[in-house]
Amino acid sequence: MSVRLLSLDTTGETGSIALVNENGVIEEITLASPDGFAHVLFPAIEELLARHGVPLTSIDCFAAASGPGSFTGVRVGLTAVKGLAEATGRKAAAVSNLRALASYGTRPLRAVVIDARRGEVFGAVYDAALQTVCAETVAKLPVWLASLPVEDLEFITQGFPLEQAGVSHAVKEAPRAIAGAVGMIAIGEFVRGKAQDPAAIDANYVRRSDAELFWKDSA
């Protein structure tokens, strides 16, 4: 029997939910709600599952984008997934937004960058297997760029203006809706036995790099 997973992302201005199995994304829908996602999330999930004739109890695992992103949005998604997994006795998974974005890349090394506001970025480098090459961090953009490998990189963003920073590498724009990517990563974790008890998943609080801490101390 096919494994089915429900994934969601409420970490940014645009949210999304997706129903996936081992073969790919069955359906992904975008959520637009300027007032937040708490009041629209569960009706959207109910409609998605009903459209495919999938009862909630037949979902094998639940997954959420865990950030970095809006603090409130991250908590909404994680709380929803924890509640659904606990109510159905299923496992849960939390997937980094940066890792999910890396899945849209096509090159061996993928440098992912998200606007962290106040002149900073969340960034990381992954390989084609979505394994970490340079750890996730939050830093001033020039500091982060200076820390990257010298090898050819493909940058992946969601509209961040890297060209203004003088980046000459290939830049790929990822979609705003990433629940499908979150789900495909999470279903791989589930199949490998790495999904967790829902109480164990948590937000992705990205730590500052040593280079950024040194830069701040020296400033």
Protein backbone atom coordinates (compact mmCIF):
# COMPACT_ATOMS: atom_id res chain seq x y z
CA MET A 1 0.00 0.00 0.00
CA SER A 2 1.24 3.46 -0.87
CA VAL A 3 2.50 5.70 1.91
CA ARG A 4 0.56 8.97 2.14
CA LEU A 5 1.78 12.08 3.86
CA LEU A 6 0.18 15.47 4.51
CA SER A 7 2.57 18.42 4.60
CA LEU A 8 2.12 22.11 5.22
CA ASP A 9 3.97 25.39 5.26
CA THR A 10 2.71 28.44 7.17
CA THR A 11 6.07 30.12 7.72
CA GLY A 12 5.77 33.04 5.28
CA GLU A 13 3.33 35.43 3.67
CA THR A 14 2.21 32.65 1.30
CA GLY A 15 1.30 29.29 2.79
CA SER A 16 0.62 25.90 1.23
CA ILE A 17 -0.50 22.36 1.95
CA ALA A 18 0.20 19.21 -0.02
CA LEU A 19 -0.79 15.58 -0.21
CA VAL A 20 2.11 13.39 -1.32
CA ASN A 21 3.12 9.76 -1.70
CA GLU A 22 6.40 8.03 -2.59
CA ASN A 23 5.86 8.78 -6.27
CA GLY A 24 5.44 12.52 -5.93
CA VAL A 25 3.09 15.33 -5.07
CA ILE A 26 -0.56 14.34 -5.54
CA GLU A 27 -1.78 17.90 -5.09
CA GLU A 28 -0.39 21.11 -3.66
CA ILE A 29 -2.54 24.15 -2.97
CA THR A 30 -1.53 27.68 -2.08
CA LEU A 31 -2.95 29.44 0.96
CA ALA A 32 -3.33 33.21 0.85
CA SER A 33 -4.42 34.76 4.14
CA PRO A 34 -3.12 38.20 5.18
CA ASP A 35 -4.58 37.66 8.67
CA GLY A 36 -2.58 34.45 9.26
CA PHE A 37 -3.25 30.81 8.59
CA ALA A 38 -4.71 29.49 11.84
CA HIS A 39 -8.33 30.03 10.76
CA VAL A 40 -7.96 28.76 7.17
CA LEU A 41 -5.59 25.84 7.61
CA PHE A 42 -7.92 23.09 8.83
CA PRO A 43 -10.77 23.83 6.39
CA ALA A 44 -8.21 23.74 3.56
CA ILE A 45 -6.84 20.40 4.79
CA GLU A 46 -10.36 18.98 5.02
CA GLU A 47 -11.17 20.08 1.47
CA LEU A 48 -7.90 18.70 0.07
CA LEU A 49 -8.37 15.28 1.63
CA ALA A 50 -12.05 15.12 0.66
CA ARG A 51 -11.20 15.94 -2.95
CA HIS A 52 -9.00 12.84 -3.11
CA GLY A 53 -11.22 10.60 -0.99
CA VAL A 54 -8.52 10.28 1.67
CA PRO A 55 -9.69 10.10 5.30
CA LEU A 56 -7.42 11.72 7.87
CA THR A 57 -6.89 8.35 9.55
CA SER A 58 -5.27 6.97 6.38
CA ILE A 59 -2.45 9.54 6.46
CA ASP A 60 0.74 7.78 7.54
CA CYS A 61 2.74 10.84 8.55
CA PHE A 62 2.34 14.59 8.95
CA ALA A 63 5.02 17.18 8.17
CA ALA A 64 5.53 20.90 8.58
CA ALA A 65 8.02 23.44 7.36
CA SER A 66 9.88 24.31 10.54
CA GLY A 67 11.46 27.63 9.55
CA PRO A 68 13.31 29.85 9.44
CA GLY A 69 10.40 32.21 8.92
CA SER A 70 7.67 34.09 10.74
CA PHE A 71 7.72 33.08 14.42
CA THR A 72 3.93 32.93 14.62
CA GLY A 73 3.64 31.16 11.28
CA VAL A 74 6.19 28.52 12.23
CA ARG A 75 4.34 27.82 15.48
CA VAL A 76 0.96 27.56 13.70
CA GLY A 77 2.26 24.91 11.33
CA LEU A 78 4.11 22.88 13.93
CA THR A 79 1.18 22.99 16.36
CA ALA A 80 -1.21 21.82 13.64
CA VAL A 81 1.03 18.92 12.64
CA LYS A 82 1.60 17.89 16.25
CA GLY A 83 -2.12 17.92 16.92
CA LEU A 84 -2.99 15.92 13.80
CA ALA A 85 -0.26 13.35 14.43
CA GLU A 86 -1.18 12.92 18.08
CA ALA A 87 -4.90 12.62 17.31
CA THR A 88 -4.28 9.87 14.73
CA GLY A 89 -1.37 8.15 16.46
CA ARG A 90 1.02 8.89 13.60
CA LYS A 91 4.59 10.10 13.29
CA ALA A 92 5.57 13.64 12.38
CA ALA A 93 8.45 15.40 10.65
CA ALA A 94 9.79 18.95 10.68
CA VAL A 95 11.66 20.06 7.56
CA SER A 96 13.89 23.13 7.27
CA ASN A 97 12.66 25.70 4.77
CA LEU A 98 16.22 26.07 3.51
CA ARG A 99 16.51 22.35 2.80
CA ALA A 100 13.12 22.33 1.09
CA LEU A 101 14.20 25.19 -1.16
CA ALA A 102 17.41 23.35 -2.02
CA SER A 103 15.30 20.60 -3.60
CA TYR A 104 14.41 22.99 -6.43
CA GLY A 105 18.05 23.18 -7.50
CA THR A 106 19.64 21.26 -10.35
CA ARG A 107 23.38 21.55 -9.66
CA PRO A 108 25.71 19.60 -7.34
CA LEU A 109 26.04 22.53 -4.89
CA ARG A 110 23.05 24.70 -3.99
CA ALA A 111 23.36 27.86 -1.92
CA VAL A 112 19.97 28.77 -0.49
CA VAL A 113 19.22 32.26 0.81
CA ILE A 114 16.14 33.69 2.55
CA ASP A 115 15.66 37.30 3.60
CA ALA A 116 15.98 37.50 7.40
CA ARG A 117 15.23 41.27 7.49
CA ARG A 118 17.34 44.00 9.08
CA GLY A 119 20.05 43.50 6.45
CA GLU A 120 20.57 39.82 7.25
CA VAL A 121 19.91 36.53 5.47
CA PHE A 122 19.31 32.93 6.40
CA GLY A 123 21.64 30.83 4.29
CA ALA A 124 23.02 27.34 3.80
CA VAL A 125 24.63 25.15 1.14
CA TYR A 126 23.36 21.67 0.27
CA ASP A 127 24.46 19.01 -2.18
CA ALA A 128 22.25 17.25 -4.72
CA ALA A 129 21.22 14.70 -2.07
CA LEU A 130 20.07 17.61 0.13
CA GLN A 131 22.81 16.92 2.64
CA THR A 132 24.33 19.92 4.39
CA VAL A 133 27.62 21.20 2.97
CA CYS A 134 27.65 24.53 4.84
CA ALA A 135 25.51 24.72 7.94
CA GLU A 136 22.38 26.85 8.15
CA THR A 137 23.16 30.26 9.61
CA VAL A 138 21.91 33.83 9.90
CA ALA A 139 24.36 36.55 8.93
CA LYS A 140 24.93 39.79 7.06
CA LEU A 141 24.84 38.95 3.36
CA PRO A 142 28.51 39.90 2.65
CA VAL A 143 29.69 37.77 5.58
CA TRP A 144 27.68 34.78 4.39
CA LEU A 145 28.80 35.15 0.77
CA ALA A 146 32.45 35.31 1.87
CA SER A 147 32.04 32.02 3.75
CA LEU A 148 30.82 29.99 0.76
CA PRO A 149 32.86 27.33 -1.07
CA VAL A 150 34.84 28.46 -4.10
CA GLU A 151 33.24 25.75 -6.26
CA ASP A 152 30.55 26.61 -8.77
CA LEU A 153 27.33 27.29 -6.90
CA GLU A 154 23.70 27.56 -7.90
CA PHE A 155 21.87 30.09 -5.75
CA ILE A 156 18.24 29.43 -4.88
CA THR A 157 15.98 32.19 -3.57
CA GLN A 158 12.36 33.24 -3.30
CA GLY A 159 12.86 36.64 -4.84
CA PHE A 160 15.84 37.83 -2.83
CA PRO A 161 17.77 40.43 -4.94
CA LEU A 162 21.16 38.73 -5.08
CA GLU A 163 22.11 40.58 -8.25
CA GLN A 164 22.31 43.80 -6.23
CA ALA A 165 25.01 42.15 -4.12
CA GLY A 166 27.11 41.43 -7.18
CA VAL A 167 26.42 37.70 -7.29
CA SER A 168 27.30 36.44 -10.76
CA HIS A 169 26.42 32.76 -10.26
CA ALA A 170 23.27 31.13 -11.61
CA VAL A 171 20.22 32.10 -9.57
CA LYS A 172 17.11 29.92 -9.52
CA GLU A 173 13.79 31.29 -8.27
CA ALA A 174 11.88 28.76 -6.17
CA PRO A 175 8.09 28.94 -5.91
CA ARG A 176 6.35 30.51 -2.92
CA ALA A 177 4.42 27.29 -2.26
CA ILE A 178 6.86 24.72 -0.82
CA ALA A 179 4.60 22.26 1.01
CA GLY A 180 5.14 19.74 -1.77
CA ALA A 181 8.92 19.93 -1.38
CA VAL A 182 8.56 19.67 2.41
CA GLY A 183 6.40 16.60 1.94
CA MET A 184 8.77 14.82 -0.42
CA ILE A 185 11.69 15.29 1.96
CA ALA A 186 9.55 14.17 4.91
CA ILE A 187 8.24 11.07 3.17
CA GLY A 188 11.83 10.01 2.55
CA GLU A 189 12.52 10.46 6.26
CA PHE A 190 9.42 8.42 7.12
CA VAL A 191 10.32 5.56 4.79
CA ARG A 192 13.81 5.46 6.33
CA GLY A 193 12.31 5.29 9.82
CA LYS A 194 13.47 8.79 10.78
CA ALA A 195 10.07 10.42 11.41
CA GLN A 196 9.53 11.34 15.04
CA ASP A 197 7.04 11.31 17.83
CA PRO A 198 5.04 14.53 17.30
CA ALA A 199 6.10 15.91 20.68
CA ALA A 200 9.75 15.79 19.56
CA ILE A 201 9.55 18.09 16.53
CA ASP A 202 10.41 21.75 17.01
CA ALA A 203 11.02 25.03 15.23
CA ASN A 204 14.22 25.55 13.27
CA TYR A 205 16.01 28.31 15.15
CA VAL A 206 19.01 29.04 12.96
CA ARG A 207 22.20 29.80 14.89
CA ARG A 208 24.63 32.54 13.99
CA SER A 209 27.91 31.36 12.49
CA ASP A 210 31.25 31.91 14.22
CA ALA A 211 32.20 34.26 11.36
CA GLU A 212 29.17 36.44 11.97
CA LEU A 213 29.73 36.50 15.73
CA PHE A 214 33.36 37.52 15.16
CA TRP A 215 32.26 40.25 12.73
CA LYS A 216 29.81 41.65 15.29
CA ASP A 217 32.41 41.59 18.05
CA SER A 218 34.90 43.40 15.83
CA ALA A 219 32.47 46.04 14.56
